[in-house]
Protein backbone atom coordinates (compact mmCIF):
# COMPACT_ATOMS: atom_id res chain seq x y z
CA UNK A 1 0.00 0.00 0.00
CA UNK A 2 1.26 3.42 -0.87
CA UNK A 3 -0.72 5.62 1.52
CA UNK A 4 -3.05 3.74 3.79
CA UNK A 5 -2.85 0.66 5.98
CA UNK A 6 -6.64 0.22 6.09
CA UNK A 7 -6.57 -2.51 3.48
CA UNK A 8 -7.81 -2.31 -0.05
CA UNK A 9 -10.63 0.19 -0.47
CA UNK A 10 -11.79 2.16 -3.45
CA UNK A 11 -10.63 5.42 -1.86
CA UNK A 12 -7.16 4.00 -1.28
CA UNK A 13 -7.11 2.74 -4.84
CA UNK A 14 -8.01 6.19 -6.22
CA UNK A 15 -5.40 7.86 -4.01
CA UNK A 16 -2.74 5.41 -5.20
CA UNK A 17 -3.67 5.91 -8.85
CA UNK A 18 -3.62 9.69 -8.40
CA UNK A 19 -0.18 9.59 -6.76
CA UNK A 20 1.18 7.41 -9.57
CA UNK A 21 -0.31 9.77 -12.16
CA UNK A 22 1.28 12.80 -10.47
CA UNK A 23 4.65 11.02 -10.37
CA UNK A 24 4.46 10.13 -14.09
CA UNK A 25 3.43 13.69 -14.94
CA UNK A 26 6.34 15.08 -12.92
CA UNK A 27 8.79 12.66 -14.56
CA UNK A 28 7.56 13.62 -18.05
CA UNK A 29 7.90 17.32 -17.23
CA UNK A 30 11.39 16.69 -15.81
CA UNK A 31 12.48 15.02 -19.05
CA UNK A 32 10.94 17.84 -21.13
CA UNK A 33 12.57 20.58 -19.06
CA UNK A 34 15.93 18.78 -18.94
CA UNK A 35 15.89 18.24 -22.69
CA UNK A 36 15.16 21.89 -23.33
CA UNK A 37 17.75 23.03 -20.79
CA UNK A 38 20.58 20.93 -22.21
CA UNK A 39 19.81 21.87 -25.83
CA UNK A 40 19.99 25.59 -25.10
CA UNK A 41 22.95 27.53 -26.39
CA UNK A 42 22.09 30.82 -24.68
CA UNK A 43 22.60 29.51 -21.13
CA UNK A 44 26.11 29.02 -19.79
CA UNK A 45 27.31 25.82 -18.20
CA UNK A 46 27.04 27.37 -14.75
CA UNK A 47 23.48 28.44 -15.46
CA UNK A 48 22.61 24.87 -16.46
CA UNK A 49 24.25 23.53 -13.30
CA UNK A 50 22.20 25.92 -11.15
CA UNK A 51 18.97 24.89 -12.90
CA UNK A 52 19.82 21.18 -12.43
CA UNK A 53 20.56 21.72 -8.73
CA UNK A 54 17.26 23.59 -8.39
CA UNK A 55 15.44 20.76 -10.19
CA UNK A 56 17.00 18.16 -7.87
CA UNK A 57 16.58 19.99 -4.56
CA UNK A 58 13.07 21.35 -5.21
CA UNK A 59 11.74 19.14 -8.00
CA UNK A 60 8.17 20.41 -8.38
CA UNK A 61 8.96 24.06 -7.68
CA UNK A 62 12.00 23.87 -9.97
CA UNK A 63 9.99 22.50 -12.87
CA UNK A 64 7.20 25.03 -12.39
CA UNK A 65 9.72 27.88 -12.09
CA UNK A 66 11.44 26.81 -15.32
CA UNK A 67 8.11 26.51 -17.15
CA UNK A 68 6.95 29.91 -15.92
CA UNK A 69 10.19 31.74 -16.69
CA UNK A 70 11.13 29.97 -19.95
CA UNK A 71 7.77 29.08 -21.52
CA UNK A 72 8.03 31.38 -24.53
CA UNK A 73 11.61 30.37 -25.28
CA UNK A 74 10.73 26.68 -24.97
CA UNK A 75 7.97 27.02 -27.55
CA UNK A 76 10.19 28.96 -29.95
CA UNK A 77 13.08 26.51 -29.60
CA UNK A 78 10.73 23.56 -30.06
CA UNK A 79 9.25 25.10 -33.20
CA UNK A 80 12.71 25.91 -34.60
CA UNK A 81 13.90 22.36 -33.83
CA UNK A 82 10.85 20.87 -35.59
CA UNK A 83 11.42 23.12 -38.60
CA UNK A 84 15.09 22.11 -38.75
CA UNK A 85 14.22 18.40 -38.55
CA UNK A 86 11.66 18.88 -41.33
CA UNK A 87 14.26 20.59 -43.53
CA UNK A 88 16.84 17.88 -42.81
CA UNK A 89 14.29 15.22 -43.74
CA UNK A 90 13.49 17.03 -46.98
CA UNK A 91 17.17 17.05 -47.91
CA UNK A 92 17.58 13.36 -47.11
CA UNK A 93 14.44 12.30 -48.97
CA UNK A 94 15.19 14.59 -51.89
CA UNK A 95 12.27 16.97 -51.52
CA UNK A 96 12.39 19.88 -53.89
CA UNK A 97 9.91 22.74 -54.01
CA UNK A 98 10.25 22.84 -57.81
CA UNK A 99 9.31 19.14 -58.05
CA UNK A 100 6.32 19.65 -55.80
CA UNK A 101 5.16 22.68 -57.82
CA UNK A 102 5.40 20.58 -60.98
CA UNK A 103 3.27 17.88 -59.35
CA UNK A 104 0.73 20.50 -58.31
CA UNK A 105 0.53 21.85 -61.86
CA UNK A 106 -0.07 18.32 -63.18
CA UNK A 107 -2.82 17.76 -60.61
CA UNK A 108 -4.48 21.03 -61.57
CA UNK A 109 -4.22 20.23 -65.30
CA UNK A 110 -5.78 16.80 -64.78
CA UNK A 111 -8.61 18.32 -62.74
CA UNK A 112 -7.77 16.43 -59.55
CA UNK A 113 -7.60 19.69 -57.59
CA UNK A 114 -9.36 23.00 -58.04
CA UNK A 115 -7.70 26.31 -58.75
CA UNK A 116 -8.34 27.39 -55.15
CA UNK A 117 -6.67 24.27 -53.78
CA UNK A 118 -3.78 24.78 -56.20
CA UNK A 119 -3.30 28.37 -55.01
CA UNK A 120 -3.49 27.38 -51.34
CA UNK A 121 -1.06 24.47 -51.69
CA UNK A 122 1.33 26.54 -53.81
CA UNK A 123 1.39 29.27 -51.14
CA UNK A 124 2.05 26.65 -48.47
CA UNK A 125 4.97 25.25 -50.46
CA UNK A 126 6.48 28.67 -50.97
CA UNK A 127 6.70 29.34 -47.23
């Protein structure tokens, strides 16, 4: 038993499940915060050490403090990382905007897509 010595009751079961859920949530947030912290190039090594110490000594408060103070930067870094991975994949696979535009023109000529869809997809490719 995690919390109670009363035996197995539904209340004890719910409390145990809730405590396990909170632990898993905390662990997931710890991995997310640690991953973001160690990928950052704008924080010095000493800054990273201080954040890690804070995360170890006060785990919940440390994670919440990092999320509150770094939330915007985390989102921007995550978006930039996703964009970079997408570009790397395009280079590996051989994606070319010119090839995709040619495919779009063929689809429009065959009538598979409308002119509006062609315009929308072309604008998306040009981004």
